[in-house]
């Protein structure tokens, strides 16, 4: 059975949001926190998972990741449930 893909958003220690994809969310968050994750998060650890959603395959996960990355900061924060939908 193929691995399930997920799109996730983490809040970095500096308050910024990072969006990525993975087949194992817990392992990916751990990688970010030990400094072996994405270059962006290496100097912004620790990170905290604030949002995740499943995707049927890698291509769908990548498309959704791009959609989220194109959102404005406010929309990302709403998605991450940090703000009410105003």
PDB file of N, CA and C in Angstrom:
ATOM      1  N   UNK A   1       0.842  -1.187   0.000  1.00  0.00           N
ATOM      2  CA  UNK A   1       0.000   0.000   0.000  1.00  0.00           C
ATOM      3  C   UNK A   1       0.888   1.251   0.000  1.00  0.00           C
ATOM      4  N   UNK A   2       0.652   2.192  -0.902  1.00  0.00           N
ATOM      5  CA  UNK A   2       1.483   3.397  -0.955  1.00  0.00           C
ATOM      6  C   UNK A   2       1.275   4.281   0.271  1.00  0.00           C
ATOM      7  N   UNK A   3       2.300   5.036   0.580  1.00  0.00           N
ATOM      8  CA  UNK A   3       2.234   5.952   1.724  1.00  0.00           C
ATOM      9  C   UNK A   3       1.248   7.074   1.440  1.00  0.00           C
ATOM     10  N   UNK A   4       0.512   7.479   2.470  1.00  0.00           N
ATOM     11  CA  UNK A   4      -0.414   8.605   2.336  1.00  0.00           C
ATOM     12  C   UNK A   4       0.374   9.905   2.435  1.00  0.00           C
ATOM     13  N   UNK A   5       0.054  10.854   1.591  1.00  0.00           N
ATOM     14  CA  UNK A   5       0.722  12.152   1.599  1.00  0.00           C
ATOM     15  C   UNK A   5      -0.089  13.151   2.415  1.00  0.00           C
ATOM     16  N   UNK A   6       0.616  14.104   3.002  1.00  0.00           N
ATOM     17  CA  UNK A   6      -0.012  15.157   3.801  1.00  0.00           C
ATOM     18  C   UNK A   6       0.627  16.491   3.470  1.00  0.00           C
ATOM     19  N   UNK A   7      -0.186  17.530   3.513  1.00  0.00           N
ATOM     20  CA  UNK A   7       0.290  18.908   3.432  1.00  0.00           C
ATOM     21  C   UNK A   7       0.220  19.436   4.856  1.00  0.00           C
ATOM     22  N   UNK A   8       1.250  20.148   5.289  1.00  0.00           N
ATOM     23  CA  UNK A   8       1.260  20.635   6.666  1.00  0.00           C
ATOM     24  C   UNK A   8       1.774  22.059   6.734  1.00  0.00           C
ATOM     25  N   UNK A   9       1.392  22.741   7.806  1.00  0.00           N
ATOM     26  CA  UNK A   9       1.907  24.077   8.103  1.00  0.00           C
ATOM     27  C   UNK A   9       2.450  24.036   9.519  1.00  0.00           C
ATOM     28  N   UNK A  10       3.643  24.581   9.703  1.00  0.00           N
ATOM     29  CA  UNK A  10       4.210  24.723  11.046  1.00  0.00           C
ATOM     30  C   UNK A  10       4.427  26.195  11.343  1.00  0.00           C
ATOM     31  N   UNK A  11       4.312  26.535  12.608  1.00  0.00           N
ATOM     32  CA  UNK A  11       4.657  27.879  13.071  1.00  0.00           C
ATOM     33  C   UNK A  11       6.065  27.792  13.620  1.00  0.00           C
ATOM     34  N   UNK A  12       6.946  28.619  13.106  1.00  0.00           N
ATOM     35  CA  UNK A  12       8.333  28.657  13.556  1.00  0.00           C
ATOM     36  C   UNK A  12       8.454  29.500  14.824  1.00  0.00           C
ATOM     37  N   UNK A  13       9.575  29.378  15.494  1.00  0.00           N
ATOM     38  CA  UNK A  13       9.812  30.116  16.734  1.00  0.00           C
ATOM     39  C   UNK A  13       9.716  31.624  16.534  1.00  0.00           C
ATOM     40  N   UNK A  14      10.034  32.108  15.325  1.00  0.00           N
ATOM     41  CA  UNK A  14       9.952  33.553  15.065  1.00  0.00           C
ATOM     42  C   UNK A  14       8.552  33.996  14.638  1.00  0.00           C
ATOM     43  N   UNK A  15       7.575  33.071  14.669  1.00  0.00           N
ATOM     44  CA  UNK A  15       6.202  33.406  14.336  1.00  0.00           C
ATOM     45  C   UNK A  15       5.834  33.242  12.869  1.00  0.00           C
ATOM     46  N   UNK A  16       6.804  32.949  12.015  1.00  0.00           N
ATOM     47  CA  UNK A  16       6.506  32.746  10.601  1.00  0.00           C
ATOM     48  C   UNK A  16       5.900  31.366  10.388  1.00  0.00           C
ATOM     49  N   UNK A  17       5.243  31.200   9.242  1.00  0.00           N
ATOM     50  CA  UNK A  17       4.627  29.926   8.899  1.00  0.00           C
ATOM     51  C   UNK A  17       5.386  29.292   7.744  1.00  0.00           C
ATOM     52  N   UNK A  18       5.554  27.971   7.817  1.00  0.00           N
ATOM     53  CA  UNK A  18       6.216  27.200   6.764  1.00  0.00           C
ATOM     54  C   UNK A  18       5.275  26.098   6.322  1.00  0.00           C
ATOM     55  N   UNK A  19       5.130  25.912   5.017  1.00  0.00           N
ATOM     56  CA  UNK A  19       4.261  24.887   4.457  1.00  0.00           C
ATOM     57  C   UNK A  19       5.095  23.848   3.729  1.00  0.00           C
ATOM     58  N   UNK A  20       4.759  22.579   3.923  1.00  0.00           N
ATOM     59  CA  UNK A  20       5.479  21.503   3.259  1.00  0.00           C
ATOM     60  C   UNK A  20       4.594  20.291   3.054  1.00  0.00           C
ATOM     61  N   UNK A  21       5.179  19.242   2.444  1.00  0.00           N
ATOM     62  CA  UNK A  21       4.477  17.981   2.245  1.00  0.00           C
ATOM     63  C   UNK A  21       5.338  16.845   2.772  1.00  0.00           C
ATOM     64  N   UNK A  22       4.696  15.747   3.145  1.00  0.00           N
ATOM     65  CA  UNK A  22       5.411  14.591   3.662  1.00  0.00           C
ATOM     66  C   UNK A  22       4.498  13.381   3.696  1.00  0.00           C
ATOM     67  N   UNK A  23       5.088  12.211   3.882  1.00  0.00           N
ATOM     68  CA  UNK A  23       4.299  10.998   4.100  1.00  0.00           C
ATOM     69  C   UNK A  23       4.241  10.658   5.583  1.00  0.00           C
ATOM     70  N   UNK A  24       5.053  11.309   6.398  1.00  0.00           N
ATOM     71  CA  UNK A  24       5.080  11.053   7.843  1.00  0.00           C
ATOM     72  C   UNK A  24       5.223  12.391   8.566  1.00  0.00           C
ATOM     73  N   UNK A  25       4.108  12.948   8.980  1.00  0.00           N
ATOM     74  CA  UNK A  25       4.101  14.287   9.579  1.00  0.00           C
ATOM     75  C   UNK A  25       4.940  14.335  10.848  1.00  0.00           C
ATOM     76  N   UNK A  26       4.767  13.379  11.745  1.00  0.00           N
ATOM     77  CA  UNK A  26       5.502  13.392  13.020  1.00  0.00           C
ATOM     78  C   UNK A  26       7.013  13.345  12.791  1.00  0.00           C
ATOM     79  N   UNK A  27       7.459  12.498  11.879  1.00  0.00           N
ATOM     80  CA  UNK A  27       8.891  12.398  11.589  1.00  0.00           C
ATOM     81  C   UNK A  27       9.405  13.688  10.959  1.00  0.00           C
ATOM     82  N   UNK A  28       8.605  14.307  10.124  1.00  0.00           N
ATOM     83  CA  UNK A  28       9.034  15.551   9.458  1.00  0.00           C
ATOM     84  C   UNK A  28       9.156  16.692  10.455  1.00  0.00           C
ATOM     85  N   UNK A  29       8.207  16.782  11.394  1.00  0.00           N
ATOM     86  CA  UNK A  29       8.279  17.820  12.423  1.00  0.00           C
ATOM     87  C   UNK A  29       9.523  17.599  13.279  1.00  0.00           C
ATOM     88  N   UNK A  30       9.782  16.352  13.630  1.00  0.00           N
ATOM     89  CA  UNK A  30      10.980  16.036  14.412  1.00  0.00           C
ATOM     90  C   UNK A  30      12.245  16.434  13.645  1.00  0.00           C
ATOM     91  N   UNK A  31      12.261  16.188  12.341  1.00  0.00           N
ATOM     92  CA  UNK A  31      13.413  16.573  11.517  1.00  0.00           C
ATOM     93  C   UNK A  31      13.597  18.088  11.515  1.00  0.00           C
ATOM     94  N   UNK A  32      12.502  18.830  11.374  1.00  0.00           N
ATOM     95  CA  UNK A  32      12.596  20.289  11.423  1.00  0.00           C
ATOM     96  C   UNK A  32      13.179  20.734  12.767  1.00  0.00           C
ATOM     97  N   UNK A  33      12.728  20.130  13.836  1.00  0.00           N
ATOM     98  CA  UNK A  33      13.161  20.562  15.172  1.00  0.00           C
ATOM     99  C   UNK A  33      14.596  20.176  15.510  1.00  0.00           C
ATOM    100  N   UNK A  34      15.125  19.164  14.864  1.00  0.00           N
ATOM    101  CA  UNK A  34      16.538  18.821  15.127  1.00  0.00           C
ATOM    102  C   UNK A  34      17.486  19.466  14.117  1.00  0.00           C
ATOM    103  N   UNK A  35      16.929  20.289  13.218  1.00  0.00           N
ATOM    104  CA  UNK A  35      17.767  21.042  12.289  1.00  0.00           C
ATOM    105  C   UNK A  35      18.085  20.329  10.999  1.00  0.00           C
ATOM    106  N   UNK A  36      17.452  19.195  10.748  1.00  0.00           N
ATOM    107  CA  UNK A  36      17.721  18.464   9.506  1.00  0.00           C
ATOM    108  C   UNK A  36      16.539  18.529   8.540  1.00  0.00           C
ATOM    109  N   UNK A  37      15.608  19.438   8.812  1.00  0.00           N
ATOM    110  CA  UNK A  37      14.466  19.638   7.913  1.00  0.00           C
ATOM    111  C   UNK A  37      14.813  20.658   6.850  1.00  0.00           C
ATOM    112  N   UNK A  38      13.856  21.406   6.433  1.00  0.00           N
ATOM    113  CA  UNK A  38      14.048  22.420   5.392  1.00  0.00           C
ATOM    114  C   UNK A  38      15.022  23.501   5.844  1.00  0.00           C
ATOM    115  N   UNK A  39      15.761  24.042   4.904  1.00  0.00           N
ATOM    116  CA  UNK A  39      16.717  25.107   5.196  1.00  0.00           C
ATOM    117  C   UNK A  39      16.030  26.284   5.899  1.00  0.00           C
ATOM    118  N   UNK A  40      14.797  26.605   5.464  1.00  0.00           N
ATOM    119  CA  UNK A  40      14.064  27.723   6.054  1.00  0.00           C
ATOM    120  C   UNK A  40      13.870  27.553   7.555  1.00  0.00           C
ATOM    121  N   UNK A  41      13.579  26.343   7.997  1.00  0.00           N
ATOM    122  CA  UNK A  41      13.258  26.131   9.413  1.00  0.00           C
ATOM    123  C   UNK A  41      14.485  25.896  10.290  1.00  0.00           C
ATOM    124  N   UNK A  42      15.630  25.673   9.699  1.00  0.00           N
ATOM    125  CA  UNK A  42      16.838  25.353  10.498  1.00  0.00           C
ATOM    126  C   UNK A  42      17.179  26.432  11.518  1.00  0.00           C
ATOM    127  N   UNK A  43      17.061  27.684  11.131  1.00  0.00           N
ATOM    128  CA  UNK A  43      17.398  28.771  12.058  1.00  0.00           C
ATOM    129  C   UNK A  43      16.165  29.314  12.769  1.00  0.00           C
ATOM    130  N   UNK A  44      15.028  28.669  12.555  1.00  0.00           N
ATOM    131  CA  UNK A  44      13.777  29.150  13.144  1.00  0.00           C
ATOM    132  C   UNK A  44      13.127  28.114  14.065  1.00  0.00           C
ATOM    133  N   UNK A  45      13.883  27.114  14.481  1.00  0.00           N
ATOM    134  CA  UNK A  45      13.359  26.065  15.361  1.00  0.00           C
ATOM    135  C   UNK A  45      13.246  26.602  16.778  1.00  0.00           C
ATOM    136  N   UNK A  46      12.390  26.050  17.591  1.00  0.00           N
ATOM    137  CA  UNK A  46      11.546  24.902  17.286  1.00  0.00           C
ATOM    138  C   UNK A  46      10.316  25.311  16.484  1.00  0.00           C
ATOM    139  N   UNK A  47       9.749  24.301  15.808  1.00  0.00           N
ATOM    140  CA  UNK A  47       8.520  24.520  15.053  1.00  0.00           C
ATOM    141  C   UNK A  47       7.382  23.761  15.727  1.00  0.00           C
ATOM    142  N   UNK A  48       6.161  24.235  15.474  1.00  0.00           N
ATOM    143  CA  UNK A  48       4.974  23.609  16.038  1.00  0.00           C
ATOM    144  C   UNK A  48       3.967  23.371  14.905  1.00  0.00           C
ATOM    145  N   UNK A  49       3.466  22.156  14.811  1.00  0.00           N
ATOM    146  CA  UNK A  49       2.469  21.838  13.796  1.00  0.00           C
ATOM    147  C   UNK A  49       1.181  22.587  14.100  1.00  0.00           C
ATOM    148  N   UNK A  50       0.677  23.344  13.106  1.00  0.00           N
ATOM    149  CA  UNK A  50      -0.565  24.091  13.306  1.00  0.00           C
ATOM    150  C   UNK A  50      -1.653  23.674  12.316  1.00  0.00           C
ATOM    151  N   UNK A  51      -1.302  22.907  11.277  1.00  0.00           N
ATOM    152  CA  UNK A  51      -2.297  22.489  10.294  1.00  0.00           C
ATOM    153  C   UNK A  51      -1.769  21.314   9.497  1.00  0.00           C
ATOM    154  N   UNK A  52      -2.669  20.378   9.178  1.00  0.00           N
ATOM    155  CA  UNK A  52      -2.327  19.316   8.241  1.00  0.00           C
ATOM    156  C   UNK A  52      -3.585  18.841   7.549  1.00  0.00           C
ATOM    157  N   UNK A  53      -3.408  18.365   6.330  1.00  0.00           N
ATOM    158  CA  UNK A  53      -4.527  17.785   5.588  1.00  0.00           C
ATOM    159  C   UNK A  53      -3.992  16.666   4.716  1.00  0.00           C
ATOM    160  N   UNK A  54      -4.773  15.608   4.538  1.00  0.00           N
ATOM    161  CA  UNK A  54      -4.335  14.489   3.695  1.00  0.00           C
ATOM    162  C   UNK A  54      -4.461  14.822   2.213  1.00  0.00           C
ATOM    163  N   UNK A  55      -3.677  14.128   1.417  1.00  0.00           N
ATOM    164  CA  UNK A  55      -3.757  14.246  -0.043  1.00  0.00           C
ATOM    165  C   UNK A  55      -3.689  12.827  -0.611  1.00  0.00           C
ATOM    166  N   UNK A  56      -4.369  12.576  -1.711  1.00  0.00           N
ATOM    167  CA  UNK A  56      -4.409  11.213  -2.250  1.00  0.00           C
ATOM    168  C   UNK A  56      -3.083  10.723  -2.836  1.00  0.00           C
ATOM    169  N   UNK A  57      -2.248  11.647  -3.297  1.00  0.00           N
ATOM    170  CA  UNK A  57      -0.958  11.267  -3.870  1.00  0.00           C
ATOM    171  C   UNK A  57      -0.008  12.459  -3.820  1.00  0.00           C
ATOM    172  N   UNK A  58       1.229  12.214  -4.210  1.00  0.00           N
ATOM    173  CA  UNK A  58       2.245  13.265  -4.125  1.00  0.00           C
ATOM    174  C   UNK A  58       1.893  14.476  -4.992  1.00  0.00           C
ATOM    175  N   UNK A  59       1.415  14.222  -6.199  1.00  0.00           N
ATOM    176  CA  UNK A  59       1.081  15.330  -7.109  1.00  0.00           C
ATOM    177  C   UNK A  59       0.001  16.220  -6.508  1.00  0.00           C
ATOM    178  N   UNK A  60      -1.016  15.614  -5.921  1.00  0.00           N
ATOM    179  CA  UNK A  60      -2.093  16.391  -5.294  1.00  0.00           C
ATOM    180  C   UNK A  60      -1.552  17.172  -4.104  1.00  0.00           C
ATOM    181  N   UNK A  61      -0.661  16.561  -3.333  1.00  0.00           N
ATOM    182  CA  UNK A  61      -0.060  17.249  -2.182  1.00  0.00           C
ATOM    183  C   UNK A  61       0.749  18.453  -2.650  1.00  0.00           C
ATOM    184  N   UNK A  62       1.503  18.286  -3.724  1.00  0.00           N
ATOM    185  CA  UNK A  62       2.312  19.400  -4.238  1.00  0.00           C
ATOM    186  C   UNK A  62       1.439  20.530  -4.770  1.00  0.00           C
ATOM    187  N   UNK A  63       0.336  20.178  -5.429  1.00  0.00           N
ATOM    188  CA  UNK A  63      -0.581  21.219  -5.926  1.00  0.00           C
ATOM    189  C   UNK A  63      -1.186  22.000  -4.763  1.00  0.00           C
ATOM    190  N   UNK A  64      -1.609  21.284  -3.725  1.00  0.00           N
ATOM    191  CA  UNK A  64      -2.217  21.952  -2.569  1.00  0.00           C
ATOM    192  C   UNK A  64      -1.177  22.790  -1.829  1.00  0.00           C
ATOM    193  N   UNK A  65       0.048  22.284  -1.717  1.00  0.00           N
ATOM    194  CA  UNK A  65       1.125  23.055  -1.080  1.00  0.00           C
ATOM    195  C   UNK A  65       1.313  24.382  -1.811  1.00  0.00           C
ATOM    196  N   UNK A  66       1.332  24.349  -3.123  1.00  0.00           N
ATOM    197  CA  UNK A  66       1.499  25.569  -3.914  1.00  0.00           C
ATOM    198  C   UNK A  66       0.326  26.514  -3.712  1.00  0.00           C
ATOM    199  N   UNK A  67      -0.900  25.974  -3.660  1.00  0.00           N
ATOM    200  CA  UNK A  67      -2.074  26.816  -3.401  1.00  0.00           C
ATOM    201  C   UNK A  67      -1.927  27.534  -2.060  1.00  0.00           C
ATOM    202  N   UNK A  68      -1.516  26.803  -1.043  1.00  0.00           N
ATOM    203  CA  UNK A  68      -1.364  27.396   0.291  1.00  0.00           C
ATOM    204  C   UNK A  68      -0.249  28.434   0.289  1.00  0.00           C
ATOM    205  N   UNK A  69       0.867  28.132  -0.365  1.00  0.00           N
ATOM    206  CA  UNK A  69       1.978  29.080  -0.402  1.00  0.00           C
ATOM    207  C   UNK A  69       1.609  30.375  -1.122  1.00  0.00           C
ATOM    208  N   UNK A  70       0.649  30.305  -2.031  1.00  0.00           N
ATOM    209  CA  UNK A  70       0.215  31.501  -2.761  1.00  0.00           C
ATOM    210  C   UNK A  70      -0.778  32.344  -1.968  1.00  0.00           C
ATOM    211  N   UNK A  71      -1.301  31.808  -0.862  1.00  0.00           N
ATOM    212  CA  UNK A  71      -2.223  32.569  -0.015  1.00  0.00           C
ATOM    213  C   UNK A  71      -1.478  33.697   0.688  1.00  0.00           C
ATOM    214  N   UNK A  72      -2.187  34.734   1.032  1.00  0.00           N
ATOM    215  CA  UNK A  72      -1.602  35.804   1.836  1.00  0.00           C
ATOM    216  C   UNK A  72      -1.423  35.347   3.278  1.00  0.00           C
ATOM    217  N   UNK A  73      -0.659  36.091   4.038  1.00  0.00           N
ATOM    218  CA  UNK A  73      -0.374  35.731   5.424  1.00  0.00           C
ATOM    219  C   UNK A  73      -1.653  35.574   6.236  1.00  0.00           C
ATOM    220  N   UNK A  74      -2.595  36.505   6.077  1.00  0.00           N
ATOM    221  CA  UNK A  74      -3.834  36.440   6.842  1.00  0.00           C
ATOM    222  C   UNK A  74      -4.593  35.144   6.531  1.00  0.00           C
ATOM    223  N   UNK A  75      -4.716  34.801   5.262  1.00  0.00           N
ATOM    224  CA  UNK A  75      -5.432  33.583   4.869  1.00  0.00           C
ATOM    225  C   UNK A  75      -4.738  32.333   5.412  1.00  0.00           C
ATOM    226  N   UNK A  76      -3.414  32.330   5.418  1.00  0.00           N
ATOM    227  CA  UNK A  76      -2.677  31.189   5.982  1.00  0.00           C
ATOM    228  C   UNK A  76      -2.934  31.069   7.476  1.00  0.00           C
ATOM    229  N   UNK A  77      -2.976  32.210   8.151  1.00  0.00           N
ATOM    230  CA  UNK A  77      -3.224  32.184   9.594  1.00  0.00           C
ATOM    231  C   UNK A  77      -4.645  31.718   9.894  1.00  0.00           C
ATOM    232  N   UNK A  78      -5.602  32.077   9.054  1.00  0.00           N
ATOM    233  CA  UNK A  78      -6.972  31.583   9.218  1.00  0.00           C
ATOM    234  C   UNK A  78      -6.977  30.068   9.031  1.00  0.00           C
ATOM    235  N   UNK A  79      -6.317  29.589   7.984  1.00  0.00           N
ATOM    236  CA  UNK A  79      -6.220  28.159   7.718  1.00  0.00           C
ATOM    237  C   UNK A  79      -5.583  27.422   8.898  1.00  0.00           C
ATOM    238  N   UNK A  80      -4.573  28.031   9.475  1.00  0.00           N
ATOM    239  CA  UNK A  80      -3.871  27.434  10.608  1.00  0.00           C
ATOM    240  C   UNK A  80      -4.649  27.624  11.904  1.00  0.00           C
ATOM    241  N   UNK A  81      -5.861  28.186  11.793  1.00  0.00           N
ATOM    242  CA  UNK A  81      -6.752  28.376  12.940  1.00  0.00           C
ATOM    243  C   UNK A  81      -6.162  29.321  13.985  1.00  0.00           C
ATOM    244  N   UNK A  82      -5.338  30.252  13.534  1.00  0.00           N
ATOM    245  CA  UNK A  82      -4.774  31.243  14.449  1.00  0.00           C
ATOM    246  C   UNK A  82      -5.691  32.456  14.558  1.00  0.00           C
ATOM    247  N   UNK A  83      -6.507  32.696  13.537  1.00  0.00           N
ATOM    248  CA  UNK A  83      -7.422  33.824  13.510  1.00  0.00           C
ATOM    249  C   UNK A  83      -8.797  33.351  13.104  1.00  0.00           C
ATOM    250  N   UNK A  84      -9.797  34.036  13.532  1.00  0.00           N
ATOM    251  CA  UNK A  84     -11.148  33.730  13.057  1.00  0.00           C
ATOM    252  C   UNK A  84     -11.304  34.165  11.619  1.00  0.00           C
ATOM    253  N   UNK A  85     -12.196  33.553  10.909  1.00  0.00           N
ATOM    254  CA  UNK A  85     -12.461  33.944   9.519  1.00  0.00           C
ATOM    255  C   UNK A  85     -13.254  35.241   9.513  1.00  0.00           C
ATOM    256  N   UNK A  86     -12.559  36.342   9.349  1.00  0.00           N
ATOM    257  CA  UNK A  86     -13.174  37.663   9.415  1.00  0.00           C
ATOM    258  C   UNK A  86     -13.533  38.186   8.055  1.00  0.00           C
TER     259      UNK A  86
END
